[in-house]
């Protein structure tokens, strides 16, 4: 059986999540995360390369003929 009339969807009675209850929790989680990142930066040690830098290398550039 195929209905021949238009269906209506009613969204007025649908249950909604209260937005006010979610925001403080998100802000608290974000504050906790940024606090953890600040602590990680404060506790970081100075980075030193494992290998010493290479010795300087002297090289000569050849100029095109006729250029001083």
N, C-alpha and C. Protein backbone atom coordinates (compact mmCIF):
# COMPACT_ATOMS: atom_id res chain seq x y z
N UNK A 1 0.84 -1.17 0.00
CA UNK A 1 0.00 0.00 0.00
C UNK A 1 0.89 1.24 0.00
N UNK A 2 0.68 2.14 -0.93
CA UNK A 2 1.46 3.35 -1.07
C UNK A 2 0.62 4.53 -0.59
N UNK A 3 1.11 5.27 0.42
CA UNK A 3 0.35 6.44 0.86
C UNK A 3 0.42 7.54 -0.19
N UNK A 4 -0.71 8.18 -0.43
CA UNK A 4 -0.77 9.21 -1.45
C UNK A 4 -0.83 10.62 -0.86
N UNK A 5 -0.60 10.73 0.40
CA UNK A 5 -0.57 12.07 1.01
C UNK A 5 0.84 12.38 1.51
N UNK A 6 1.12 13.66 1.70
CA UNK A 6 2.45 14.09 2.11
C UNK A 6 2.65 13.82 3.60
N UNK A 7 3.83 13.28 3.92
CA UNK A 7 4.14 13.03 5.32
C UNK A 7 4.64 14.31 5.96
N UNK A 8 4.35 14.47 7.22
CA UNK A 8 4.81 15.62 7.97
C UNK A 8 5.74 15.14 9.08
N UNK A 9 6.86 15.83 9.21
CA UNK A 9 7.78 15.54 10.29
C UNK A 9 7.72 16.69 11.28
N UNK A 10 7.51 16.35 12.52
CA UNK A 10 7.38 17.37 13.55
C UNK A 10 8.61 17.33 14.44
N UNK A 11 9.36 18.42 14.47
CA UNK A 11 10.57 18.47 15.28
C UNK A 11 10.36 19.26 16.58
N UNK A 12 9.15 19.76 16.81
CA UNK A 12 8.91 20.57 18.00
C UNK A 12 8.92 19.73 19.27
N UNK A 13 8.53 18.49 19.21
CA UNK A 13 8.44 17.65 20.40
C UNK A 13 9.64 16.74 20.57
N UNK A 14 10.67 16.92 19.78
CA UNK A 14 11.84 16.04 19.88
C UNK A 14 12.65 16.40 21.14
N UNK A 15 13.20 15.40 21.82
CA UNK A 15 14.00 15.71 23.02
C UNK A 15 15.31 16.38 22.62
N UNK A 16 15.71 17.35 23.38
CA UNK A 16 16.93 18.09 23.09
C UNK A 16 17.89 17.99 24.27
N UNK A 17 19.16 18.01 23.94
CA UNK A 17 20.18 18.06 24.99
C UNK A 17 20.32 19.51 25.42
N UNK A 18 20.33 19.77 26.69
CA UNK A 18 20.55 21.15 27.11
C UNK A 18 21.98 21.58 26.80
N UNK A 19 22.14 22.64 26.05
CA UNK A 19 23.47 23.09 25.64
C UNK A 19 24.21 23.72 26.82
N UNK A 20 23.48 24.28 27.76
CA UNK A 20 24.14 24.96 28.88
C UNK A 20 24.94 23.97 29.73
N UNK A 21 24.50 22.72 29.81
CA UNK A 21 25.20 21.74 30.63
C UNK A 21 26.46 21.22 29.98
N UNK A 22 26.56 21.29 28.66
CA UNK A 22 27.72 20.75 27.97
C UNK A 22 28.89 21.73 27.93
N UNK A 23 28.61 23.01 27.82
CA UNK A 23 29.68 23.99 27.63
C UNK A 23 30.65 24.06 28.80
N UNK A 24 30.20 24.14 30.04
CA UNK A 24 31.18 24.22 31.13
C UNK A 24 32.12 23.01 31.16
N UNK A 25 31.62 21.85 30.83
CA UNK A 25 32.48 20.66 30.82
C UNK A 25 33.53 20.77 29.73
N UNK A 26 33.14 21.26 28.56
CA UNK A 26 34.10 21.43 27.46
C UNK A 26 35.17 22.44 27.83
N UNK A 27 34.76 23.53 28.48
CA UNK A 27 35.73 24.55 28.88
C UNK A 27 36.68 23.98 29.92
N UNK A 28 36.16 23.19 30.85
CA UNK A 28 37.00 22.59 31.87
C UNK A 28 37.99 21.61 31.25
N UNK A 29 37.55 20.81 30.28
CA UNK A 29 38.45 19.86 29.61
C UNK A 29 39.52 20.61 28.83
N UNK A 30 39.15 21.68 28.17
CA UNK A 30 40.13 22.47 27.41
C UNK A 30 41.13 23.12 28.36
N UNK A 31 40.66 23.63 29.47
CA UNK A 31 41.56 24.25 30.44
C UNK A 31 42.55 23.23 30.98
N UNK A 32 42.06 22.02 31.27
CA UNK A 32 42.94 20.96 31.75
C UNK A 32 43.99 20.62 30.69
N UNK A 33 43.58 20.50 29.44
CA UNK A 33 44.51 20.15 28.36
C UNK A 33 45.61 21.20 28.21
N UNK A 34 45.23 22.48 28.19
CA UNK A 34 46.22 23.53 28.04
C UNK A 34 47.14 23.61 29.25
N UNK A 35 46.63 23.33 30.43
CA UNK A 35 47.49 23.29 31.62
C UNK A 35 48.53 22.18 31.48
N UNK A 36 48.12 21.02 30.97
CA UNK A 36 49.06 19.92 30.75
C UNK A 36 50.14 20.31 29.74
N UNK A 37 49.74 21.02 28.68
CA UNK A 37 50.71 21.43 27.66
C UNK A 37 51.69 22.47 28.23
N UNK A 38 51.19 23.39 29.06
CA UNK A 38 52.08 24.37 29.69
C UNK A 38 53.09 23.67 30.60
N UNK A 39 52.64 22.68 31.35
CA UNK A 39 53.56 21.94 32.22
C UNK A 39 54.60 21.19 31.40
N UNK A 40 54.20 20.60 30.29
CA UNK A 40 55.14 19.88 29.45
C UNK A 40 56.21 20.81 28.90
N UNK A 41 55.83 22.03 28.51
CA UNK A 41 56.80 22.99 28.00
C UNK A 41 57.74 23.44 29.11
N UNK A 42 57.20 23.69 30.30
CA UNK A 42 58.03 24.14 31.41
C UNK A 42 59.04 23.07 31.83
N UNK A 43 58.66 21.80 31.75
CA UNK A 43 59.53 20.70 32.19
C UNK A 43 60.48 20.22 31.09
N UNK A 44 60.36 20.77 29.91
CA UNK A 44 61.20 20.32 28.80
C UNK A 44 62.66 20.68 29.07
N UNK A 45 63.54 19.78 28.66
CA UNK A 45 64.97 20.03 28.84
C UNK A 45 65.54 20.61 27.54
N UNK A 46 66.71 21.23 27.67
CA UNK A 46 67.36 21.79 26.49
C UNK A 46 67.77 20.65 25.57
N UNK A 47 67.54 20.82 24.31
CA UNK A 47 67.87 19.79 23.32
C UNK A 47 69.29 19.97 22.85
N UNK A 48 70.04 18.88 22.86
CA UNK A 48 71.40 18.90 22.34
C UNK A 48 71.50 17.85 21.26
N UNK A 49 72.11 18.19 20.11
CA UNK A 49 72.22 17.19 19.05
C UNK A 49 73.14 16.05 19.49
N UNK A 50 72.85 14.84 19.02
CA UNK A 50 73.64 13.67 19.38
C UNK A 50 74.98 13.67 18.64
N UNK A 51 75.05 14.30 17.50
CA UNK A 51 76.26 14.31 16.68
C UNK A 51 76.79 15.74 16.62
N UNK A 52 78.11 15.91 16.79
CA UNK A 52 78.63 17.29 16.69
C UNK A 52 78.46 17.83 15.28
N UNK A 53 78.40 19.15 15.13
CA UNK A 53 78.23 19.72 13.79
C UNK A 53 79.44 19.40 12.91
N UNK A 54 79.26 19.28 11.61
CA UNK A 54 80.40 18.96 10.73
C UNK A 54 81.38 20.12 10.67
N UNK A 55 82.61 19.79 10.29
CA UNK A 55 83.63 20.82 10.14
C UNK A 55 83.26 21.73 8.97
N UNK A 56 83.64 22.99 9.03
CA UNK A 56 83.37 23.88 7.90
C UNK A 56 84.12 23.40 6.65
N UNK A 57 83.51 23.57 5.54
CA UNK A 57 84.11 23.12 4.28
C UNK A 57 84.37 24.34 3.41
N UNK A 58 85.60 24.43 2.90
CA UNK A 58 85.93 25.55 2.04
C UNK A 58 85.72 25.11 0.60
N UNK A 59 85.03 25.92 -0.16
CA UNK A 59 84.79 25.60 -1.56
C UNK A 59 85.05 26.85 -2.39
N UNK A 60 85.38 26.65 -3.64
CA UNK A 60 85.66 27.75 -4.54
C UNK A 60 84.60 27.78 -5.63
N UNK A 61 84.12 28.97 -5.95
CA UNK A 61 83.14 29.14 -7.02
C UNK A 61 83.87 29.60 -8.29
N UNK A 62 83.56 28.97 -9.35
CA UNK A 62 84.15 29.42 -10.61
C UNK A 62 83.18 30.39 -11.26
N UNK A 63 83.75 31.50 -11.72
CA UNK A 63 82.91 32.50 -12.37
C UNK A 63 82.84 32.23 -13.86
N UNK A 64 81.82 32.70 -14.48
CA UNK A 64 81.67 32.55 -15.91
C UNK A 64 82.79 33.32 -16.61
N UNK A 65 83.26 32.87 -17.79
CA UNK A 65 84.35 33.58 -18.48
C UNK A 65 83.96 35.03 -18.76
N UNK A 66 84.93 35.92 -18.56
CA UNK A 66 84.70 37.33 -18.83
C UNK A 66 84.12 38.09 -17.64
N UNK A 67 83.80 37.42 -16.56
CA UNK A 67 83.26 38.10 -15.36
C UNK A 67 84.40 38.27 -14.36
N UNK A 68 84.58 39.45 -13.80
CA UNK A 68 85.65 39.65 -12.82
C UNK A 68 85.36 38.98 -11.50
